[in-house]
Amino acid sequence: MGSAQRHKAKKGHNMKAPKKRAALARFLNRHVDQVWKDVRADPEKEEANGIRADAALPRTAKQPLDEDLPGMGQYYCVETGRWFINKQALDQHKKSRFYKMRVKELKGAKPHCQRDAEAAVGLGVDNGPKLGRAPATQPQNMALEQ
């Protein structure tokens, strides 16, 4: 009696690609706590703080032309931190579930960041009271002579 012929199981390396792309996409987009301050900030008084700490992150519809960005950098969604190729794509994005969920998150309380999480478990920076000698103070008569 012979045994049935066995085949190797397929490796399925193509099945990994969508998962990897989804994982990378999570980190390429700006997170809620990065966008939260930009949405609430006054553009004239504060600079944008996100992935890049510079004023290049737009908060308004009017932007200078930039050839490196989709749609020459003219169609930017502040809430999600994405650029679009034209007005129709931006309008379609604003009807999407992802956009509506992000707006709902941004209307709520300030999202937690890593610093908040570390402080909650007691890992924050706390130098405590200064130990050792008291701070040196100058006598008042010496301060007047100078």
C-alpha atoms as a PDB file:
ATOM      1  CA  MET A   1       0.000   0.000   0.000  1.00  0.00           C
ATOM      2  CA  GLY A   2       1.360   3.307  -0.988  1.00  0.00           C
ATOM      3  CA  SER A   3       0.810   6.545   0.799  1.00  0.00           C
ATOM      4  CA  ALA A   4      -0.853   9.538  -0.781  1.00  0.00           C
ATOM      5  CA  GLN A   5       1.382  12.055  -2.458  1.00  0.00           C
ATOM      6  CA  ARG A   6       1.960  15.117  -0.255  1.00  0.00           C
ATOM      7  CA  HIS A   7       2.487  18.675  -1.392  1.00  0.00           C
ATOM      8  CA  LYS A   8       4.266  21.478   0.347  1.00  0.00           C
ATOM      9  CA  ALA A   9       2.026  24.154   1.741  1.00  0.00           C
ATOM     10  CA  LYS A  10       2.250  27.427  -0.150  1.00  0.00           C
ATOM     11  CA  LYS A  11       4.235  30.078   1.648  1.00  0.00           C
ATOM     12  CA  GLY A  12       1.798  32.868   0.889  1.00  0.00           C
ATOM     13  CA  HIS A  13       4.311  35.697   0.971  1.00  0.00           C
ATOM     14  CA  ASN A  14       1.871  37.860  -0.982  1.00  0.00           C
ATOM     15  CA  MET A  15      -0.536  37.726   1.934  1.00  0.00           C
ATOM     16  CA  LYS A  16       1.869  39.752   4.077  1.00  0.00           C
ATOM     17  CA  ALA A  17       1.947  42.772   1.787  1.00  0.00           C
ATOM     18  CA  PRO A  18      -1.483  44.293   2.633  1.00  0.00           C
ATOM     19  CA  LYS A  19      -0.865  43.934   6.365  1.00  0.00           C
ATOM     20  CA  LYS A  20       2.535  45.553   6.075  1.00  0.00           C
ATOM     21  CA  ARG A  21       1.136  48.434   4.023  1.00  0.00           C
ATOM     22  CA  ALA A  22      -1.619  49.000   6.579  1.00  0.00           C
ATOM     23  CA  ALA A  23       0.896  49.021   9.425  1.00  0.00           C
ATOM     24  CA  LEU A  24       3.123  51.502   7.610  1.00  0.00           C
ATOM     25  CA  ALA A  25       0.170  53.719   6.745  1.00  0.00           C
ATOM     26  CA  ARG A  26      -0.624  54.085  10.435  1.00  0.00           C
ATOM     27  CA  PHE A  27       2.747  55.688  11.057  1.00  0.00           C
ATOM     28  CA  LEU A  28       2.856  57.781   7.898  1.00  0.00           C
ATOM     29  CA  ASN A  29      -0.321  59.651   8.830  1.00  0.00           C
ATOM     30  CA  ARG A  30      -0.332  62.180  11.634  1.00  0.00           C
ATOM     31  CA  HIS A  31      -1.805  60.917  14.886  1.00  0.00           C
ATOM     32  CA  VAL A  32      -4.721  62.595  16.680  1.00  0.00           C
ATOM     33  CA  ASP A  33      -2.556  64.155  19.376  1.00  0.00           C
ATOM     34  CA  GLN A  34      -0.317  65.702  16.705  1.00  0.00           C
ATOM     35  CA  VAL A  35      -3.267  67.218  14.832  1.00  0.00           C
ATOM     36  CA  TRP A  36      -5.196  68.335  17.935  1.00  0.00           C
ATOM     37  CA  LYS A  37      -2.974  71.309  18.716  1.00  0.00           C
ATOM     38  CA  ASP A  38      -2.837  72.391  15.060  1.00  0.00           C
ATOM     39  CA  VAL A  39      -6.631  72.472  14.823  1.00  0.00           C
ATOM     40  CA  ARG A  40      -7.019  74.551  17.980  1.00  0.00           C
ATOM     41  CA  ALA A  41      -3.950  76.787  17.540  1.00  0.00           C
ATOM     42  CA  ASP A  42      -4.153  80.391  16.385  1.00  0.00           C
ATOM     43  CA  PRO A  43      -2.099  80.555  13.147  1.00  0.00           C
ATOM     44  CA  GLU A  44      -0.886  84.103  13.812  1.00  0.00           C
ATOM     45  CA  LYS A  45       0.334  83.479  17.370  1.00  0.00           C
ATOM     46  CA  GLU A  46       1.518  79.874  17.557  1.00  0.00           C
ATOM     47  CA  GLU A  47       3.564  77.746  15.245  1.00  0.00           C
ATOM     48  CA  ALA A  48       2.397  74.306  14.182  1.00  0.00           C
ATOM     49  CA  ASN A  49       3.648  71.348  16.215  1.00  0.00           C
ATOM     50  CA  GLY A  50       3.368  67.981  14.596  1.00  0.00           C
ATOM     51  CA  ILE A  51       5.794  65.624  12.938  1.00  0.00           C
ATOM     52  CA  ARG A  52       7.820  68.635  11.890  1.00  0.00           C
ATOM     53  CA  ALA A  53       8.046  71.518  14.350  1.00  0.00           C
ATOM     54  CA  ASP A  54       7.890  74.285  11.801  1.00  0.00           C
ATOM     55  CA  ALA A  55       5.328  76.645  10.356  1.00  0.00           C
ATOM     56  CA  ALA A  56       5.184  74.669   7.081  1.00  0.00           C
ATOM     57  CA  LEU A  57       2.215  72.616   8.261  1.00  0.00           C
ATOM     58  CA  PRO A  58      -0.820  74.405   6.832  1.00  0.00           C
ATOM     59  CA  ARG A  59      -3.965  75.251   8.744  1.00  0.00           C
ATOM     60  CA  THR A  60      -5.775  77.224   6.063  1.00  0.00           C
ATOM     61  CA  ALA A  61      -6.973  76.651   2.519  1.00  0.00           C
ATOM     62  CA  LYS A  62      -4.662  79.223   0.902  1.00  0.00           C
ATOM     63  CA  GLN A  63      -1.104  77.921   0.630  1.00  0.00           C
ATOM     64  CA  PRO A  64       1.860  78.736  -1.606  1.00  0.00           C
ATOM     65  CA  LEU A  65       2.400  76.367  -4.526  1.00  0.00           C
ATOM     66  CA  ASP A  66       4.608  73.362  -3.805  1.00  0.00           C
ATOM     67  CA  GLU A  67       5.478  71.024  -6.662  1.00  0.00           C
ATOM     68  CA  ASP A  68       6.441  68.159  -4.348  1.00  0.00           C
ATOM     69  CA  LEU A  69       2.961  67.784  -2.839  1.00  0.00           C
ATOM     70  CA  PRO A  70      -0.188  66.370  -4.478  1.00  0.00           C
ATOM     71  CA  GLY A  71      -2.289  69.073  -6.124  1.00  0.00           C
ATOM     72  CA  MET A  72       0.604  71.546  -5.754  1.00  0.00           C
ATOM     73  CA  GLY A  73      -0.137  71.650  -2.000  1.00  0.00           C
ATOM     74  CA  GLN A  74      -3.439  73.499  -2.455  1.00  0.00           C
ATOM     75  CA  TYR A  75      -5.865  70.868  -1.153  1.00  0.00           C
ATOM     76  CA  TYR A  76      -4.982  69.991   2.450  1.00  0.00           C
ATOM     77  CA  CYS A  77      -7.225  68.472   5.097  1.00  0.00           C
ATOM     78  CA  VAL A  78      -6.185  69.908   8.465  1.00  0.00           C
ATOM     79  CA  GLU A  79      -8.106  67.340  10.520  1.00  0.00           C
ATOM     80  CA  THR A  80      -6.436  64.308   8.958  1.00  0.00           C
ATOM     81  CA  GLY A  81      -3.166  65.893   7.831  1.00  0.00           C
ATOM     82  CA  ARG A  82      -3.432  64.736   4.216  1.00  0.00           C
ATOM     83  CA  TRP A  83      -2.983  66.453   0.856  1.00  0.00           C
ATOM     84  CA  PHE A  84      -5.280  65.734  -2.100  1.00  0.00           C
ATOM     85  CA  ILE A  85      -4.888  66.128  -5.843  1.00  0.00           C
ATOM     86  CA  ASN A  86      -8.009  68.231  -6.446  1.00  0.00           C
ATOM     87  CA  LYS A  87     -11.095  69.750  -4.848  1.00  0.00           C
ATOM     88  CA  GLN A  88     -13.296  66.770  -5.749  1.00  0.00           C
ATOM     89  CA  ALA A  89     -10.971  64.349  -3.958  1.00  0.00           C
ATOM     90  CA  LEU A  90     -10.946  66.608  -0.890  1.00  0.00           C
ATOM     91  CA  ASP A  91     -14.749  66.875  -0.894  1.00  0.00           C
ATOM     92  CA  GLN A  92     -15.091  63.105  -1.268  1.00  0.00           C
ATOM     93  CA  HIS A  93     -12.657  62.634   1.626  1.00  0.00           C
ATOM     94  CA  LYS A  94     -14.734  64.954   3.831  1.00  0.00           C
ATOM     95  CA  LYS A  95     -17.730  62.637   3.303  1.00  0.00           C
ATOM     96  CA  SER A  96     -15.760  59.568   4.390  1.00  0.00           C
ATOM     97  CA  ARG A  97     -16.146  57.700   7.646  1.00  0.00           C
ATOM     98  CA  PHE A  98     -12.479  58.213   8.555  1.00  0.00           C
ATOM     99  CA  TYR A  99     -12.790  62.004   8.287  1.00  0.00           C
ATOM    100  CA  LYS A 100     -15.995  62.125  10.350  1.00  0.00           C
ATOM    101  CA  MET A 101     -14.486  59.944  13.075  1.00  0.00           C
ATOM    102  CA  ARG A 102     -11.369  62.132  13.206  1.00  0.00           C
ATOM    103  CA  VAL A 103     -13.456  65.320  13.525  1.00  0.00           C
ATOM    104  CA  LYS A 104     -15.427  63.717  16.349  1.00  0.00           C
ATOM    105  CA  GLU A 105     -12.183  62.802  18.134  1.00  0.00           C
ATOM    106  CA  LEU A 106     -10.824  66.326  17.726  1.00  0.00           C
ATOM    107  CA  LYS A 107     -13.980  67.901  19.190  1.00  0.00           C
ATOM    108  CA  GLY A 108     -13.500  65.981  22.425  1.00  0.00           C
ATOM    109  CA  ALA A 109     -10.930  66.323  25.173  1.00  0.00           C
ATOM    110  CA  LYS A 110      -7.219  66.510  24.480  1.00  0.00           C
ATOM    111  CA  PRO A 111      -5.922  63.089  23.390  1.00  0.00           C
ATOM    112  CA  HIS A 112      -3.302  61.353  25.502  1.00  0.00           C
ATOM    113  CA  CYS A 113       0.318  61.415  24.445  1.00  0.00           C
ATOM    114  CA  GLN A 114       3.315  59.362  25.541  1.00  0.00           C
ATOM    115  CA  ARG A 115       4.296  61.929  28.182  1.00  0.00           C
ATOM    116  CA  ASP A 116       0.822  61.697  29.777  1.00  0.00           C
ATOM    117  CA  ALA A 117       0.990  57.902  29.825  1.00  0.00           C
ATOM    118  CA  GLU A 118       4.415  57.915  31.473  1.00  0.00           C
ATOM    119  CA  ALA A 119       3.303  60.453  34.083  1.00  0.00           C
ATOM    120  CA  ALA A 120       0.250  58.316  34.926  1.00  0.00           C
ATOM    121  CA  VAL A 121       2.424  55.365  35.928  1.00  0.00           C
ATOM    122  CA  GLY A 122       4.964  57.526  37.737  1.00  0.00           C
ATOM    123  CA  LEU A 123       7.700  57.597  35.102  1.00  0.00           C
ATOM    124  CA  GLY A 124       7.576  61.344  34.577  1.00  0.00           C
ATOM    125  CA  VAL A 125      10.396  63.730  35.352  1.00  0.00           C
ATOM    126  CA  ASP A 126      10.189  64.606  39.028  1.00  0.00           C
ATOM    127  CA  ASN A 127      13.408  65.876  40.519  1.00  0.00           C
ATOM    128  CA  GLY A 128      11.801  66.403  43.927  1.00  0.00           C
ATOM    129  CA  PRO A 129      12.934  68.932  46.496  1.00  0.00           C
ATOM    130  CA  LYS A 130      16.555  70.053  46.416  1.00  0.00           C
ATOM    131  CA  LEU A 131      18.644  68.316  49.033  1.00  0.00           C
ATOM    132  CA  GLY A 132      21.765  69.591  50.714  1.00  0.00           C
ATOM    133  CA  ARG A 133      22.589  73.189  51.457  1.00  0.00           C
ATOM    134  CA  ALA A 134      20.144  76.033  51.253  1.00  0.00           C
ATOM    135  CA  PRO A 135      20.397  78.385  48.269  1.00  0.00           C
ATOM    136  CA  ALA A 136      22.929  81.151  48.779  1.00  0.00           C
ATOM    137  CA  THR A 137      21.480  84.616  49.327  1.00  0.00           C
ATOM    138  CA  GLN A 138      23.360  87.882  49.288  1.00  0.00           C
ATOM    139  CA  PRO A 139      23.103  90.220  52.251  1.00  0.00           C
ATOM    140  CA  GLN A 140      20.991  93.262  51.427  1.00  0.00           C
ATOM    141  CA  ASN A 141      23.782  95.755  52.154  1.00  0.00           C
ATOM    142  CA  MET A 142      26.073  94.082  49.582  1.00  0.00           C
ATOM    143  CA  ALA A 143      23.363  94.232  46.931  1.00  0.00           C
ATOM    144  CA  LEU A 144      23.033  98.001  47.446  1.00  0.00           C
ATOM    145  CA  GLU A 145      26.790  98.645  47.119  1.00  0.00           C
ATOM    146  CA  GLN A 146      26.986  97.153  43.646  1.00  0.00           C
END
